Structure formats: structure tokens, C-alpha cells
Protein backbone atom coordinates (compact mmCIF):
# COMPACT_ATOMS: atom_id res chain seq x y z
CA UNK A 1 -78.83 92.20 -36.85
CA UNK A 2 -81.28 93.66 -39.35
CA UNK A 3 -84.26 91.50 -40.24
CA UNK A 4 -87.62 91.66 -41.97
CA UNK A 5 -90.52 90.42 -39.86
CA UNK A 6 -94.30 90.23 -39.89
CA UNK A 7 -96.47 89.98 -36.78
CA UNK A 8 -99.69 89.06 -38.58
CA UNK A 9 -100.75 87.83 -42.00
CA UNK A 10 -101.71 90.44 -44.57
CA UNK A 11 -100.57 92.58 -47.53
CA UNK A 12 -96.81 93.03 -47.82
CA UNK A 13 -96.86 96.83 -47.48
CA UNK A 14 -98.96 96.59 -44.31
CA UNK A 15 -97.29 93.80 -42.37
CA UNK A 16 -93.59 93.64 -43.30
CA UNK A 17 -91.28 95.55 -40.96
CA UNK A 18 -87.52 96.15 -40.95
CA UNK A 19 -86.28 95.70 -37.36
CA UNK A 20 -83.18 94.94 -35.30
CA UNK A 21 -83.07 91.51 -33.65
CA UNK A 22 -80.45 89.81 -31.48
CA UNK A 23 -77.95 87.79 -33.48
CA UNK A 24 -78.78 84.10 -32.98
CA UNK A 25 -76.35 81.67 -31.39
CA UNK A 26 -75.87 78.28 -33.08
CA UNK A 27 -77.07 75.44 -30.87
CA UNK A 28 -75.52 71.97 -30.83
CA UNK A 29 -75.51 70.59 -34.36
CA UNK A 30 -76.18 74.00 -35.90
CA UNK A 31 -74.21 76.57 -37.89
CA UNK A 32 -74.58 80.34 -37.99
CA UNK A 33 -74.74 81.75 -41.51
CA UNK A 34 -74.07 85.37 -42.45
CA UNK A 35 -76.55 85.71 -45.28
CA UNK A 36 -75.64 87.48 -48.51
CA UNK A 37 -78.88 86.75 -50.35
CA UNK A 38 -82.41 85.58 -49.57
CA UNK A 39 -84.70 84.05 -52.20
CA UNK A 40 -88.36 85.10 -52.33
CA UNK A 41 -90.60 82.25 -53.50
CA UNK A 42 -94.36 82.08 -54.11
CA UNK A 43 -94.71 79.93 -50.98
CA UNK A 44 -93.10 82.68 -48.88
CA UNK A 45 -95.48 85.27 -50.29
CA UNK A 46 -98.55 83.08 -49.79
CA UNK A 47 -97.57 82.32 -46.20
CA UNK A 48 -97.08 86.00 -45.38
CA UNK A 49 -100.48 86.73 -46.88
CA UNK A 50 -102.08 83.91 -44.87
CA UNK A 51 -103.09 82.21 -48.11
CA UNK A 52 -101.12 78.97 -47.78
CA UNK A 53 -103.22 75.98 -46.63
CA UNK A 54 -102.73 75.32 -42.94
CA UNK A 55 -101.00 78.65 -42.27
CA UNK A 56 -101.01 79.57 -38.58
CA UNK A 57 -99.26 82.37 -36.70
CA UNK A 58 -97.51 80.33 -34.00
CA UNK A 59 -95.00 82.99 -32.92
CA UNK A 60 -95.05 86.65 -31.91
CA UNK A 61 -93.42 87.38 -35.27
CA UNK A 62 -91.93 85.52 -38.24
CA UNK A 63 -88.78 86.22 -40.24
CA UNK A 64 -89.81 85.05 -43.73
CA UNK A 65 -88.16 83.12 -46.57
CA UNK A 66 -86.85 79.57 -46.86
CA UNK A 67 -83.99 79.99 -49.33
CA UNK A 68 -80.71 81.84 -49.01
CA UNK A 69 -76.95 81.82 -49.46
CA UNK A 70 -74.01 83.17 -47.49
CA UNK A 71 -71.03 82.15 -45.36
CA UNK A 72 -70.76 80.11 -42.18
CA UNK A 73 -69.36 82.34 -39.43
CA UNK A 74 -69.77 80.11 -36.35
CA UNK A 75 -70.66 76.52 -35.46
CA UNK A 76 -72.32 74.86 -32.51
CA UNK A 77 -71.13 71.82 -30.56
CA UNK A 78 -70.71 68.74 -32.70
CA UNK A 79 -70.04 70.62 -35.95
CA UNK A 80 -66.50 70.75 -37.32
CA UNK A 81 -64.87 74.15 -36.98
CA UNK A 82 -63.48 73.61 -40.48
CA UNK A 83 -66.86 74.67 -41.83
CA UNK A 84 -66.31 78.27 -40.66
CA UNK A 85 -65.77 80.38 -43.78
CA UNK A 86 -67.57 77.93 -46.06
CA UNK A 87 -69.77 79.43 -48.79
CA UNK A 88 -73.19 77.78 -48.56
CA UNK A 89 -76.78 77.67 -49.76
CA UNK A 90 -79.75 76.95 -47.51
CA UNK A 91 -82.94 74.90 -47.71
CA UNK A 92 -86.05 74.89 -45.46
CA UNK A 93 -84.84 78.02 -43.69
CA UNK A 94 -88.32 78.91 -42.46
CA UNK A 95 -90.18 75.61 -42.84
CA UNK A 96 -91.94 75.03 -39.49
CA UNK A 97 -89.60 77.61 -37.95
CA UNK A 98 -89.88 81.19 -36.76
CA UNK A 99 -86.61 82.45 -38.18
CA UNK A 100 -86.10 82.37 -41.95
CA UNK A 101 -83.52 83.87 -44.28
CA UNK A 102 -84.97 87.40 -44.45
CA UNK A 103 -82.27 88.59 -42.05
CA UNK A 104 -78.54 89.20 -41.89
CA UNK A 105 -77.97 86.01 -39.88
CA UNK A 106 -79.68 82.65 -39.45
CA UNK A 107 -78.83 79.61 -37.31
CA UNK A 108 -79.80 76.25 -38.81
CA UNK A 109 -79.06 72.54 -38.46
CA UNK A 110 -75.77 71.86 -40.23
CA UNK A 111 -77.29 69.47 -42.78
CA UNK A 112 -79.60 72.25 -44.07
CA UNK A 113 -76.56 74.26 -45.11
CA UNK A 114 -74.88 72.97 -48.28
CA UNK A 115 -71.54 74.00 -49.76
CA UNK A 116 -71.94 76.47 -52.63
CA UNK A 117 -69.47 75.88 -55.49
CA UNK A 118 -67.01 78.74 -55.94
CA UNK A 119 -68.23 79.50 -59.45
CA UNK A 120 -71.80 80.17 -58.29
CA UNK A 121 -72.66 83.57 -56.80
CA UNK A 122 -74.72 84.17 -53.68
CA UNK A 123 -77.66 85.60 -55.64
CA UNK A 124 -77.79 82.42 -57.70
CA UNK A 125 -77.29 80.29 -54.60
CA UNK A 126 -80.45 81.78 -53.13
CA UNK A 127 -82.41 80.22 -56.05
CA UNK A 128 -81.50 76.63 -55.24
CA UNK A 129 -83.45 75.58 -52.14
CA UNK A 130 -87.00 75.52 -53.54
CA UNK A 131 -86.82 76.13 -57.32
CA UNK A 132 -83.81 73.99 -58.26
CA UNK A 133 -84.48 71.22 -55.74
CA UNK A 134 -88.15 71.03 -56.76
CA UNK A 135 -87.03 70.73 -60.37
CA UNK A 136 -84.51 68.03 -59.52
CA UNK A 137 -86.99 66.05 -57.43
CA UNK A 138 -89.79 66.13 -60.00
CA UNK A 139 -87.40 65.06 -62.76
CA UNK A 140 -85.07 62.62 -60.96
CA UNK A 141 -86.31 62.10 -57.41
CA UNK A 142 -87.77 58.66 -58.09
CA UNK A 143 -85.42 57.33 -60.74
CA UNK A 144 -83.48 58.00 -63.96
CA UNK A 145 -85.02 59.54 -67.08
CA UNK A 146 -82.28 58.75 -69.60
CA UNK A 147 -83.81 57.91 -72.97
CA UNK A 148 -87.30 58.98 -71.86
CA UNK A 149 -89.52 61.84 -73.00
CA UNK A 150 -90.12 64.45 -70.29
CA UNK A 151 -92.74 67.17 -70.70
CA UNK A 152 -92.14 70.25 -68.56
CA UNK A 153 -95.21 72.49 -68.42
CA UNK A 154 -94.52 76.16 -67.81
CA UNK A 155 -90.91 75.98 -68.98
CA UNK A 156 -90.27 79.70 -68.43
CA UNK A 157 -91.08 79.48 -64.72
CA UNK A 158 -88.40 79.28 -62.05
CA UNK A 159 -88.93 75.54 -61.49
CA UNK A 160 -89.67 74.75 -65.13
CA UNK A 161 -86.49 76.38 -66.42
CA UNK A 162 -84.36 74.33 -64.03
CA UNK A 163 -86.35 71.18 -64.85
CA UNK A 164 -85.62 71.54 -68.56
CA UNK A 165 -81.89 71.81 -67.89
CA UNK A 166 -81.87 68.92 -65.42
CA UNK A 167 -83.84 66.60 -67.69
CA UNK A 168 -81.47 67.35 -70.57
CA UNK A 169 -78.41 66.80 -68.36
CA UNK A 170 -79.93 63.48 -67.29
CA UNK A 171 -80.26 62.29 -70.89
CA UNK A 172 -83.97 62.84 -71.51
CA UNK A 173 -85.72 64.23 -74.56
CA UNK A 174 -87.48 67.38 -73.34
CA UNK A 175 -90.70 69.01 -74.50
CA UNK A 176 -91.92 72.18 -72.81
CA UNK A 177 -94.87 74.53 -72.94
CA UNK A 178 -94.77 78.34 -72.87
CA UNK A 179 -97.16 81.22 -73.57
CA UNK A 180 -95.15 83.15 -76.15
CA UNK A 181 -91.82 83.81 -77.93
CA UNK A 182 -90.18 85.74 -75.06
CA UNK A 183 -90.85 82.90 -72.65
CA UNK A 184 -89.71 80.35 -75.22
CA UNK A 185 -86.36 82.11 -75.43
CA UNK A 186 -86.09 82.24 -71.63
CA UNK A 187 -87.02 78.60 -71.08
CA UNK A 188 -83.76 77.33 -72.50
CA UNK A 189 -82.60 74.14 -74.18
CA UNK A 190 -85.75 72.06 -74.66
CA UNK A 191 -85.85 69.82 -77.72
CA UNK A 192 -89.36 71.02 -78.59
CA UNK A 193 -91.24 74.12 -77.41
CA UNK A 194 -95.04 74.32 -77.65
CA UNK A 195 -96.91 77.61 -77.40
CA UNK A 196 -100.00 76.52 -75.50
CA UNK A 197 -101.90 79.65 -76.57
CA UNK A 198 -101.61 78.66 -80.23
CA UNK A 199 -101.44 74.85 -80.28
CA UNK A 200 -103.28 71.84 -78.89
CA UNK A 201 -100.59 70.69 -76.45
CA UNK A 202 -101.77 67.10 -76.12
CA UNK A 203 -102.09 66.64 -79.88
CA UNK A 204 -98.60 68.07 -80.45
CA UNK A 205 -97.03 65.89 -77.74
CA UNK A 206 -98.65 62.79 -79.20
CA UNK A 207 -97.41 63.78 -82.66
CA UNK A 208 -93.86 64.31 -81.38
CA UNK A 209 -93.85 60.95 -79.61
CA UNK A 210 -95.43 58.85 -82.35
CA UNK A 211 -98.64 58.51 -80.35
CA UNK A 212 -96.97 57.16 -77.19
CA UNK A 213 -97.13 60.32 -75.09
CA UNK A 214 -94.76 61.70 -72.46
CA UNK A 215 -93.12 59.25 -70.06
CA UNK A 216 -92.99 61.93 -67.36
CA UNK A 217 -94.82 65.21 -66.97
CA UNK A 218 -93.33 67.80 -64.63
CA UNK A 219 -96.53 69.72 -63.95
CA UNK A 220 -96.85 73.34 -62.84
CA UNK A 221 -100.67 73.37 -62.69
CA UNK A 222 -102.09 69.89 -62.13
CA UNK A 223 -105.79 70.75 -62.08
CA UNK A 224 -105.83 73.25 -64.92
CA UNK A 225 -103.93 70.92 -67.27
CA UNK A 226 -105.49 67.63 -66.19
CA UNK A 227 -107.70 67.12 -69.25
CA UNK A 228 -104.69 67.43 -71.56
CA UNK A 229 -102.55 65.34 -69.23
CA UNK A 230 -104.91 62.36 -69.45
CA UNK A 231 -104.63 62.48 -73.24
CA UNK A 232 -100.85 62.72 -73.45
CA UNK A 233 -99.36 60.70 -70.56
CA UNK A 234 -97.75 57.47 -71.74
CA UNK A 235 -98.65 54.05 -70.37
CA UNK A 236 -96.61 53.52 -67.22
CA UNK A 237 -95.90 57.24 -67.10
CA UNK A 238 -95.44 59.53 -64.10
CA UNK A 239 -97.04 62.88 -63.36
CA UNK A 240 -94.83 64.77 -60.91
CA UNK A 241 -96.70 67.92 -59.91
CA UNK A 242 -95.75 70.69 -57.54
CA UNK A 243 -98.71 73.10 -57.87
CA UNK A 244 -102.39 73.31 -58.80
CA UNK A 245 -103.31 76.97 -58.63
CA UNK A 246 -105.75 76.92 -61.52
CA UNK A 247 -108.01 74.25 -59.98
CA UNK A 248 -107.08 73.70 -56.36
CA UNK A 249 -109.56 70.85 -55.88
CA UNK A 250 -109.63 69.06 -59.24
CA UNK A 251 -111.78 66.03 -59.90
CA UNK A 252 -109.42 63.12 -60.57
CA UNK A 253 -110.20 60.98 -63.65
CA UNK A 254 -109.29 57.80 -61.82
CA UNK A 255 -109.98 55.10 -64.39
CA UNK A 256 -108.43 56.82 -67.44
CA UNK A 257 -105.23 57.18 -65.40
CA UNK A 258 -105.44 53.71 -63.86
CA UNK A 259 -105.83 51.99 -67.21
CA UNK A 260 -102.58 53.62 -68.30
CA UNK A 261 -100.87 52.50 -65.07
CA UNK A 262 -99.98 56.11 -64.27
CA UNK A 263 -98.25 57.28 -61.10
CA UNK A 264 -99.24 60.70 -59.71
CA UNK A 265 -96.83 62.32 -57.26
CA UNK A 266 -97.78 65.52 -55.45
CA UNK A 267 -94.23 66.64 -54.72
CA UNK A 268 -93.58 68.80 -51.65
CA UNK A 269 -89.89 69.70 -51.58
CA UNK A 270 -89.95 70.51 -47.86
CA UNK A 271 -90.58 66.85 -47.01
CA UNK A 272 -87.99 65.08 -49.16
CA UNK A 273 -86.39 62.21 -47.27
CA UNK A 274 -82.71 62.78 -46.35
CA UNK A 275 -81.28 60.20 -48.76
CA UNK A 276 -83.16 61.61 -51.74
CA UNK A 277 -82.21 65.16 -50.81
CA UNK A 278 -78.53 64.24 -50.57
CA UNK A 279 -78.69 62.81 -54.09
CA UNK A 280 -80.22 66.04 -55.32
CA UNK A 281 -77.62 68.17 -53.59
CA UNK A 282 -74.84 66.06 -55.10
CA UNK A 283 -76.25 66.33 -58.63
CA UNK A 284 -76.75 70.09 -58.39
CA UNK A 285 -73.25 70.55 -56.97
CA UNK A 286 -71.68 68.46 -59.74
CA UNK A 287 -73.47 70.39 -62.46
CA UNK A 288 -72.58 73.75 -60.92
CA UNK A 289 -68.93 72.73 -60.56
CA UNK A 290 -68.90 71.94 -64.29
CA UNK A 291 -70.73 75.15 -65.19
CA UNK A 292 -73.64 73.18 -66.64
CA UNK A 293 -76.47 74.82 -64.69
CA UNK A 294 -77.74 78.25 -65.73
CA UNK A 295 -79.55 80.41 -63.17
CA UNK A 296 -82.00 83.24 -63.82
CA UNK A 297 -82.26 86.12 -61.35
CA UNK A 298 -85.05 88.45 -62.48
CA UNK A 299 -84.92 91.14 -59.79
CA UNK A 300 -82.64 92.07 -56.89
CA UNK A 301 -83.90 94.15 -53.96
CA UNK A 302 -82.38 95.47 -50.74
CA UNK A 303 -83.65 94.12 -47.43
CA UNK A 304 -85.52 97.40 -46.89
CA UNK A 305 -87.35 96.74 -50.18
CA UNK A 306 -88.69 93.31 -49.22
CA UNK A 307 -92.31 94.44 -49.66
CA UNK A 308 -91.54 95.38 -53.27
CA UNK A 309 -89.93 91.98 -53.78
CA UNK A 310 -93.07 90.28 -52.45
CA UNK A 311 -95.24 92.37 -54.76
CA UNK A 312 -93.10 91.36 -57.74
CA UNK A 313 -93.60 87.67 -56.94
CA UNK A 314 -97.34 88.17 -56.43
CA UNK A 315 -97.66 90.00 -59.77
CA UNK A 316 -96.23 87.06 -61.71
CA UNK A 317 -94.86 87.34 -65.23
CA UNK A 318 -91.26 87.68 -64.10
CA UNK A 319 -88.59 85.72 -65.93
CA UNK A 320 -86.49 84.32 -63.12
CA UNK A 321 -86.23 84.48 -59.35
CA UNK A 322 -86.66 87.51 -57.09
CA UNK A 323 -83.81 87.83 -54.59
CA UNK A 324 -83.00 90.05 -51.62
CA UNK A 325 -79.33 91.10 -51.44
CA UNK A 326 -78.00 91.64 -47.93
């Protein structure tokens, strides 16, 4: 099978190679998936560059990427043969593993391979594992949000755009932040959109909520936005954050947050407990079956163009996910 690999960390054009590898065999409890698409996420790019905290090269080579979609073509012992032919999407394809989804085939534990509704294409299915599940978890992973005000920072991002949709589907009032008109249009159906380059975000959120603040903040850059967050989080509110690129080691204003009884959750989608993940999979599946979830694919590349796909993710500014089509 064809696969993209890297043997050391470094720039995409220097370390990514297109090679032929043996087709894997599914072990007991596993399925073999013929991949049709592989999602390229910022975490994949940072790991390949050696820039992700704790990154180590534990194998002779790594096949990158955690997300993907395709069809089950074989099953190992203990997995029902009825799953052969099933359209699926994948999560944690390369988390603590050598072999990710940047290849024509991947063998994975059966519970990491989720049925893809017929109305959702493979390219869109490759956007679900990290972006959509991170959005679901940070909005709904610890309880309902119906009737609450949810602020999604960075609403035009891959996670933010899903988070807006999910919060609305769950009955929340949604406020989001963007950097300009084009991103406002891309972000989707928020109740209120704030251009953070032109407005004081905290002041606007407080105005929109009658001084109460946001009950939940789905935060794309915890450290960079922390000063505003302290001003606009409601008493008893939750900050669910999944990144802090602007200030990677922020100083936490403990007492201002404590005296509002605020919960702070640093959400890592790779480590969701099985019960919570199953709830997320069920919600996403239900919304996709009904046609309620809109996906944004910004760029599609061939497997041989994986380095270009990585560069596109590194450059930022894209409106949607970058996907490899196999």
C-alpha cells in the first residue's frame, strides 16, 4: 500500500516521503479500513515538526494523521463480519501509535471506527475525529447547554465553526468572535458575531447578556484571551479550552476566577473517556443523519501532495479543514 511517512522530525518538504508499505492485517478486535480521505490537523503538523510537547520518535518511521474516513474491508477475530463494507470515520488513528491515516490502509481497534452516515462524504468524514469531536466535547461533554449563553472564540476555525452549530443544535444562545467580515460569513449561525479587531469583546458580551456574562466559553486561545475571559465569564461558568498558542504558559488569575466559582477544563480530545465519547458519536451521527451538520473542507490534496497540505495548515488563515484524498 502507498503511505506517507517521516523518519525524523523536521520541515514537511524535508521529512515526508511517499513509500510502499505492507498492507496491515487486523489483529483480534481490530478492523482494516481502506481509507478514502485523511484529515490534516494542526496537531499532526506540530508532531511532524517535533513541536508538540512531549513529542518523541519511538519508531523507525511514523505514518502521520489521526483522522480519516473510508470503508471496512476486513475484520479480526471477535469483530462481526457484518461490519465489512461499512462506511466509517476514524478517531485517534495515530495517537500513541506508529501507523496513522496517511496511508491507503489502516488497522485499528473496532471501537475507534464509527459508522459514517450515508449522506456524509468521505472528505467530510475525515473532519470529524479531532475538529468535530473537540467541538462537541467543549460544548456538551460535561452537561447540557440548553437555555445558556455560549461564547465560541475563533468561530471561523475548524473547531469553532462546529462548536457554533453544536451549541445552537443543543438549544444555546451563541456568541462568537471573528477577525473580519469573511470569517463572520464562514462561521455560520451564531446569534451574535463580534469582530475582535474592532470591538471590546468582554464589554460587548456583558452588554449582550445584561451584565451576567457567558455561561460557557469554548476557548481557542486560553492564554491570549484570559484577561477578557475573567471579565466576561458568568458566575458558575465554565471555560472549556482546547489550545493556548498565544501564551503557552499563562499566569492564572486564581482568585478572580475562584470568586466567580468558575470551572476551567483543558480539554484533550484524545483522552475522552469511552462513555463520553460514545455520547458524542451518537449526537454527531444523529445530526448528520438529519442533515443538520455543515462541514467545511478548505483544500483537498493527493497523497503525493501531503507536504503541501501540511504547509497549508501551518500557514493558517484557511477557512475549513485540509484533507488528503486517497
